[in-house]
Amino acid sequence: MPQHHDTGRVELTDWTTTGPAIRAIRETVFIYEQRVPVELEWDGLDPSCAHVLARNDRGEAIGTARMQRNGTIGRMAVLKDWRGRGIGRALLQTLLDLALKQGLPRVTLSAQTHALGFYERAGFHVVGEPFIDAGIPHRKMVKELGSTEER
């Protein structure tokens, strides 16, 4: 049977419901792969954030992201074997849909510089100067949500 691009199933969730699955993905991607210090990864904000979780067709958790109440998106992580298959785009779109539903005027995020093109394709634009977070170069990005059309 041929392998098709599997975008997985993305669910809107919360830390109480799916925290262990979210934690496992973020530990793998940020702490082990990218060597983000543990104390920076676990910032205490997770219980108050909206989370999205992607699962493959076997129900295994393969990607996650979160959004704070103020529209700050972050902690987007997709397991290595699932990258390049649209998982990140589906996670991001689910959070953008939630932000629109909540009436937020804009969303912001801090993008690792290697991912700028990914976010630009989703309608974000860079603001401000480059900065280092957890030893990794980042740029702040913003997307205005005033309309459904790209600006």
Protein backbone atom coordinates (compact mmCIF):
# COMPACT_ATOMS: atom_id res chain seq x y z
CA MET A 1 0.00 0.00 0.00
CA PRO A 2 1.55 3.37 -0.96
CA GLN A 3 2.43 5.87 1.73
CA HIS A 4 0.44 9.08 1.41
CA HIS A 5 1.21 12.35 3.10
CA ASP A 6 -0.50 12.00 6.43
CA THR A 7 -1.48 15.31 7.93
CA GLY A 8 -2.76 13.47 10.97
CA ARG A 9 -5.73 14.45 13.02
CA VAL A 10 -5.38 17.70 14.91
CA GLU A 11 -7.43 18.26 18.03
CA LEU A 12 -7.87 21.35 20.15
CA THR A 13 -7.12 20.33 23.71
CA ASP A 14 -5.77 21.50 27.05
CA TRP A 15 -2.88 20.70 29.36
CA THR A 16 -5.02 18.77 31.86
CA THR A 17 -6.38 16.43 29.18
CA THR A 18 -3.27 15.74 27.08
CA GLY A 19 -0.32 17.12 29.06
CA PRO A 20 1.68 13.86 29.11
CA ALA A 21 1.50 13.48 25.31
CA ILE A 22 2.38 17.16 24.78
CA ARG A 23 5.26 16.91 27.26
CA ALA A 24 6.72 13.85 25.48
CA ILE A 25 6.79 15.62 22.09
CA ARG A 26 8.31 18.81 23.46
CA GLU A 27 10.94 16.94 25.46
CA THR A 28 11.97 15.04 22.33
CA VAL A 29 12.09 18.08 20.02
CA PHE A 30 13.20 20.92 22.27
CA ILE A 31 15.14 19.37 25.14
CA TYR A 32 16.82 16.43 23.39
CA GLU A 33 17.11 17.56 19.74
CA GLN A 34 17.57 21.32 20.20
CA ARG A 35 19.13 21.21 23.67
CA VAL A 36 16.80 23.80 25.16
CA PRO A 37 17.40 23.93 28.93
CA VAL A 38 14.64 22.16 30.85
CA GLU A 39 13.96 25.21 33.03
CA LEU A 40 13.31 27.36 29.93
CA GLU A 41 11.00 24.81 28.29
CA TRP A 42 8.70 24.37 31.29
CA ASP A 43 7.73 27.99 31.89
CA GLY A 44 4.57 27.36 33.92
CA LEU A 45 2.25 28.80 31.25
CA ASP A 46 0.92 25.52 29.88
CA PRO A 47 -2.13 25.18 32.19
CA SER A 48 -3.51 28.53 30.98
CA CYS A 49 -2.88 27.94 27.25
CA ALA A 50 -4.98 26.39 24.50
CA HIS A 51 -3.11 23.43 23.03
CA VAL A 52 -3.34 21.52 19.77
CA LEU A 53 -2.21 17.93 19.41
CA ALA A 54 -1.69 16.03 16.14
CA ARG A 55 -2.03 12.26 16.07
CA ASN A 56 -1.19 9.82 13.31
CA ASP A 57 -3.62 7.19 12.05
CA ARG A 58 -2.58 4.88 14.91
CA GLY A 59 -3.49 7.53 17.47
CA GLU A 60 0.12 8.29 18.42
CA ALA A 61 0.89 11.91 19.33
CA ILE A 62 3.21 13.38 16.67
CA GLY A 63 2.98 17.17 16.98
CA THR A 64 1.85 19.98 19.23
CA ALA A 65 1.63 23.75 19.67
CA ARG A 66 0.04 26.16 22.11
CA MET A 67 -1.51 29.62 22.23
CA GLN A 68 -1.65 31.93 25.20
CA ARG A 69 -4.82 33.92 25.86
CA ASN A 70 -3.16 37.04 24.38
CA GLY A 71 -2.66 35.32 21.01
CA THR A 72 0.98 34.37 21.45
CA ILE A 73 1.59 31.09 19.62
CA GLY A 74 4.50 28.94 20.64
CA ARG A 75 6.04 25.60 21.47
CA MET A 76 5.29 24.26 17.98
CA ALA A 77 6.96 20.88 17.71
CA VAL A 78 6.58 17.99 15.26
CA LEU A 79 8.45 14.72 15.73
CA LYS A 80 11.28 14.33 13.21
CA ASP A 81 9.77 11.42 11.26
CA TRP A 82 6.59 13.44 10.64
CA ARG A 83 8.12 16.74 9.48
CA GLY A 84 7.45 17.94 5.96
CA ARG A 85 4.00 16.32 5.80
CA GLY A 86 1.79 19.29 6.63
CA ILE A 87 1.50 18.57 10.36
CA GLY A 88 2.90 21.94 11.42
CA ARG A 89 0.63 23.77 8.98
CA ALA A 90 -2.41 21.92 10.36
CA LEU A 91 -1.40 22.72 13.96
CA LEU A 92 -0.89 26.38 13.11
CA GLN A 93 -4.16 26.66 11.17
CA THR A 94 -6.12 25.18 14.07
CA LEU A 95 -4.69 27.84 16.41
CA LEU A 96 -5.33 30.60 13.86
CA ASP A 97 -8.95 29.44 13.55
CA LEU A 98 -9.27 29.55 17.34
CA ALA A 99 -7.79 33.06 17.48
CA LEU A 100 -10.30 34.25 14.87
CA LYS A 101 -13.16 32.61 16.76
CA GLN A 102 -12.02 34.38 19.93
CA GLY A 103 -11.94 37.71 18.09
CA LEU A 104 -8.24 38.35 18.59
CA PRO A 105 -7.01 41.17 16.32
CA ARG A 106 -3.60 39.55 15.76
CA VAL A 107 -1.39 36.67 16.76
CA THR A 108 2.32 36.77 17.48
CA LEU A 109 5.08 34.23 17.79
CA SER A 110 8.83 33.93 18.16
CA ALA A 111 10.07 31.92 15.19
CA GLN A 112 13.36 30.10 15.02
CA THR A 113 15.06 31.73 12.05
CA HIS A 114 15.22 28.49 10.05
CA ALA A 115 11.38 28.42 10.16
CA LEU A 116 10.73 31.99 8.96
CA GLY A 117 9.60 30.83 5.50
CA PHE A 118 7.09 28.42 7.02
CA TYR A 119 5.43 31.23 8.99
CA GLU A 120 5.67 33.74 6.13
CA ARG A 121 3.73 31.30 3.92
CA ALA A 122 1.04 31.34 6.62
CA GLY A 123 0.76 35.14 6.43
CA PHE A 124 3.11 36.20 9.25
CA HIS A 125 5.64 38.99 8.87
CA VAL A 126 8.84 39.71 10.79
CA VAL A 127 8.95 42.63 13.22
CA GLY A 128 11.93 43.84 15.22
CA GLU A 129 15.49 42.64 15.38
CA PRO A 130 16.82 39.08 15.63
CA PHE A 131 17.31 37.74 19.16
CA ILE A 132 18.63 34.63 20.86
CA ASP A 133 16.31 32.45 22.96
CA ALA A 134 17.63 29.27 24.57
CA GLY A 135 20.76 29.65 22.44
CA ILE A 136 18.73 29.62 19.19
CA PRO A 137 18.31 32.63 16.82
CA HIS A 138 14.69 33.85 16.64
CA ARG A 139 12.61 36.62 15.10
CA LYS A 140 9.32 37.98 16.38
CA MET A 141 6.51 37.58 13.84
CA VAL A 142 2.97 38.94 13.66
CA LYS A 143 -0.14 38.08 11.69
CA GLU A 144 -3.06 40.48 11.60
CA LEU A 145 -6.43 38.72 11.81
CA GLY A 146 -8.72 41.59 10.84
CA SER A 147 -9.94 39.69 7.78
CA THR A 148 -9.69 36.22 6.28
CA GLU A 149 -7.81 37.55 3.25
CA GLU A 150 -4.02 37.72 3.22
CA ARG A 151 -2.70 41.23 3.71
